[in-house]
Amino acid sequence: MSSVVRVTLSGILAGLVAATLAACASAPAAAPDLTPPPRRPADAKTQLEYGNPPPPPPGRY
């Protein structure tokens, strides 16, 4: 075979390998959950010492 045919076939083969790898790539990871956990209720000792817990702070914005 001539060198032009070899280069062309090796380019096609490299393209097929790259396409196969791209098709088998894993899905991106899921986005992390950034919501804060719910507030814990005040226990009995805290309610006796301080009364009812203060209201939650207003939103950030």
C-alpha atoms as a PDB file:
ATOM      1  CA  MET A   1       0.000   0.000   0.000  1.00  0.00           C
ATOM      2  CA  SER A   2       1.152   3.525  -0.574  1.00  0.00           C
ATOM      3  CA  SER A   3       1.895   5.783   2.351  1.00  0.00           C
ATOM      4  CA  VAL A   4      -1.098   8.047   1.535  1.00  0.00           C
ATOM      5  CA  VAL A   5      -3.495   5.118   1.863  1.00  0.00           C
ATOM      6  CA  ARG A   6      -1.895   4.028   5.154  1.00  0.00           C
ATOM      7  CA  VAL A   7      -2.140   7.542   6.603  1.00  0.00           C
ATOM      8  CA  THR A   8      -5.770   7.820   5.502  1.00  0.00           C
ATOM      9  CA  LEU A   9      -6.708   4.455   6.967  1.00  0.00           C
ATOM     10  CA  SER A  10      -4.917   5.166  10.231  1.00  0.00           C
ATOM     11  CA  GLY A  11      -6.736   8.517  10.455  1.00  0.00           C
ATOM     12  CA  ILE A  12     -10.082   6.835   9.902  1.00  0.00           C
ATOM     13  CA  LEU A  13      -9.238   4.182  12.480  1.00  0.00           C
ATOM     14  CA  ALA A  14      -8.189   6.829  15.016  1.00  0.00           C
ATOM     15  CA  GLY A  15     -11.461   8.685  14.396  1.00  0.00           C
ATOM     16  CA  LEU A  16     -13.500   5.551  14.966  1.00  0.00           C
ATOM     17  CA  VAL A  17     -11.665   4.814  18.201  1.00  0.00           C
ATOM     18  CA  ALA A  18     -12.247   8.385  19.401  1.00  0.00           C
ATOM     19  CA  ALA A  19     -15.944   8.209  18.486  1.00  0.00           C
ATOM     20  CA  THR A  20     -16.300   4.888  20.309  1.00  0.00           C
ATOM     21  CA  LEU A  21     -14.680   6.275  23.437  1.00  0.00           C
ATOM     22  CA  ALA A  22     -16.865   9.387  23.335  1.00  0.00           C
ATOM     23  CA  ALA A  23     -20.004   7.264  22.998  1.00  0.00           C
ATOM     24  CA  CYS A  24     -19.057   5.135  25.999  1.00  0.00           C
ATOM     25  CA  ALA A  25     -18.150   8.043  28.278  1.00  0.00           C
ATOM     26  CA  SER A  26     -19.939   8.073  31.606  1.00  0.00           C
ATOM     27  CA  ALA A  27     -22.683  10.569  32.369  1.00  0.00           C
ATOM     28  CA  PRO A  28     -21.709  13.657  34.371  1.00  0.00           C
ATOM     29  CA  ALA A  29     -22.177  13.464  38.123  1.00  0.00           C
ATOM     30  CA  ALA A  30     -25.392  14.826  39.590  1.00  0.00           C
ATOM     31  CA  ALA A  31     -25.298  18.321  41.049  1.00  0.00           C
ATOM     32  CA  PRO A  32     -24.915  18.361  44.845  1.00  0.00           C
ATOM     33  CA  ASP A  33     -27.943  19.293  46.954  1.00  0.00           C
ATOM     34  CA  LEU A  34     -27.144  22.708  48.477  1.00  0.00           C
ATOM     35  CA  THR A  35     -30.331  23.173  50.492  1.00  0.00           C
ATOM     36  CA  PRO A  36     -29.657  23.577  54.230  1.00  0.00           C
ATOM     37  CA  PRO A  37     -30.969  20.903  56.579  1.00  0.00           C
ATOM     38  CA  PRO A  38     -34.147  21.738  58.535  1.00  0.00           C
ATOM     39  CA  ARG A  39     -33.751  23.383  61.918  1.00  0.00           C
ATOM     40  CA  ARG A  40     -33.872  21.073  64.894  1.00  0.00           C
ATOM     41  CA  PRO A  41     -36.693  21.770  67.334  1.00  0.00           C
ATOM     42  CA  ALA A  42     -35.667  23.210  70.693  1.00  0.00           C
ATOM     43  CA  ASP A  43     -35.488  20.615  73.432  1.00  0.00           C
ATOM     44  CA  ALA A  44     -37.346  20.884  76.765  1.00  0.00           C
ATOM     45  CA  LYS A  45     -34.353  22.266  78.716  1.00  0.00           C
ATOM     46  CA  THR A  46     -33.787  25.040  76.184  1.00  0.00           C
ATOM     47  CA  GLN A  47     -37.454  25.965  76.243  1.00  0.00           C
ATOM     48  CA  LEU A  48     -37.437  26.103  80.058  1.00  0.00           C
ATOM     49  CA  GLU A  49     -34.284  28.257  80.190  1.00  0.00           C
ATOM     50  CA  TYR A  50     -34.927  30.607  77.275  1.00  0.00           C
ATOM     51  CA  GLY A  51     -38.640  30.361  76.529  1.00  0.00           C
ATOM     52  CA  ASN A  52     -39.779  29.781  72.985  1.00  0.00           C
ATOM     53  CA  PRO A  53     -36.998  29.716  70.400  1.00  0.00           C
ATOM     54  CA  PRO A  54     -36.504  32.914  68.420  1.00  0.00           C
ATOM     55  CA  PRO A  55     -38.089  33.124  65.002  1.00  0.00           C
ATOM     56  CA  PRO A  56     -35.916  32.131  62.071  1.00  0.00           C
ATOM     57  CA  PRO A  57     -33.860  34.933  60.541  1.00  0.00           C
ATOM     58  CA  PRO A  58     -35.255  36.626  57.443  1.00  0.00           C
ATOM     59  CA  GLY A  59     -34.154  35.451  54.015  1.00  0.00           C
ATOM     60  CA  ARG A  60     -30.796  36.483  52.633  1.00  0.00           C
ATOM     61  CA  TYR A  61     -32.177  38.881  50.058  1.00  0.00           C
END
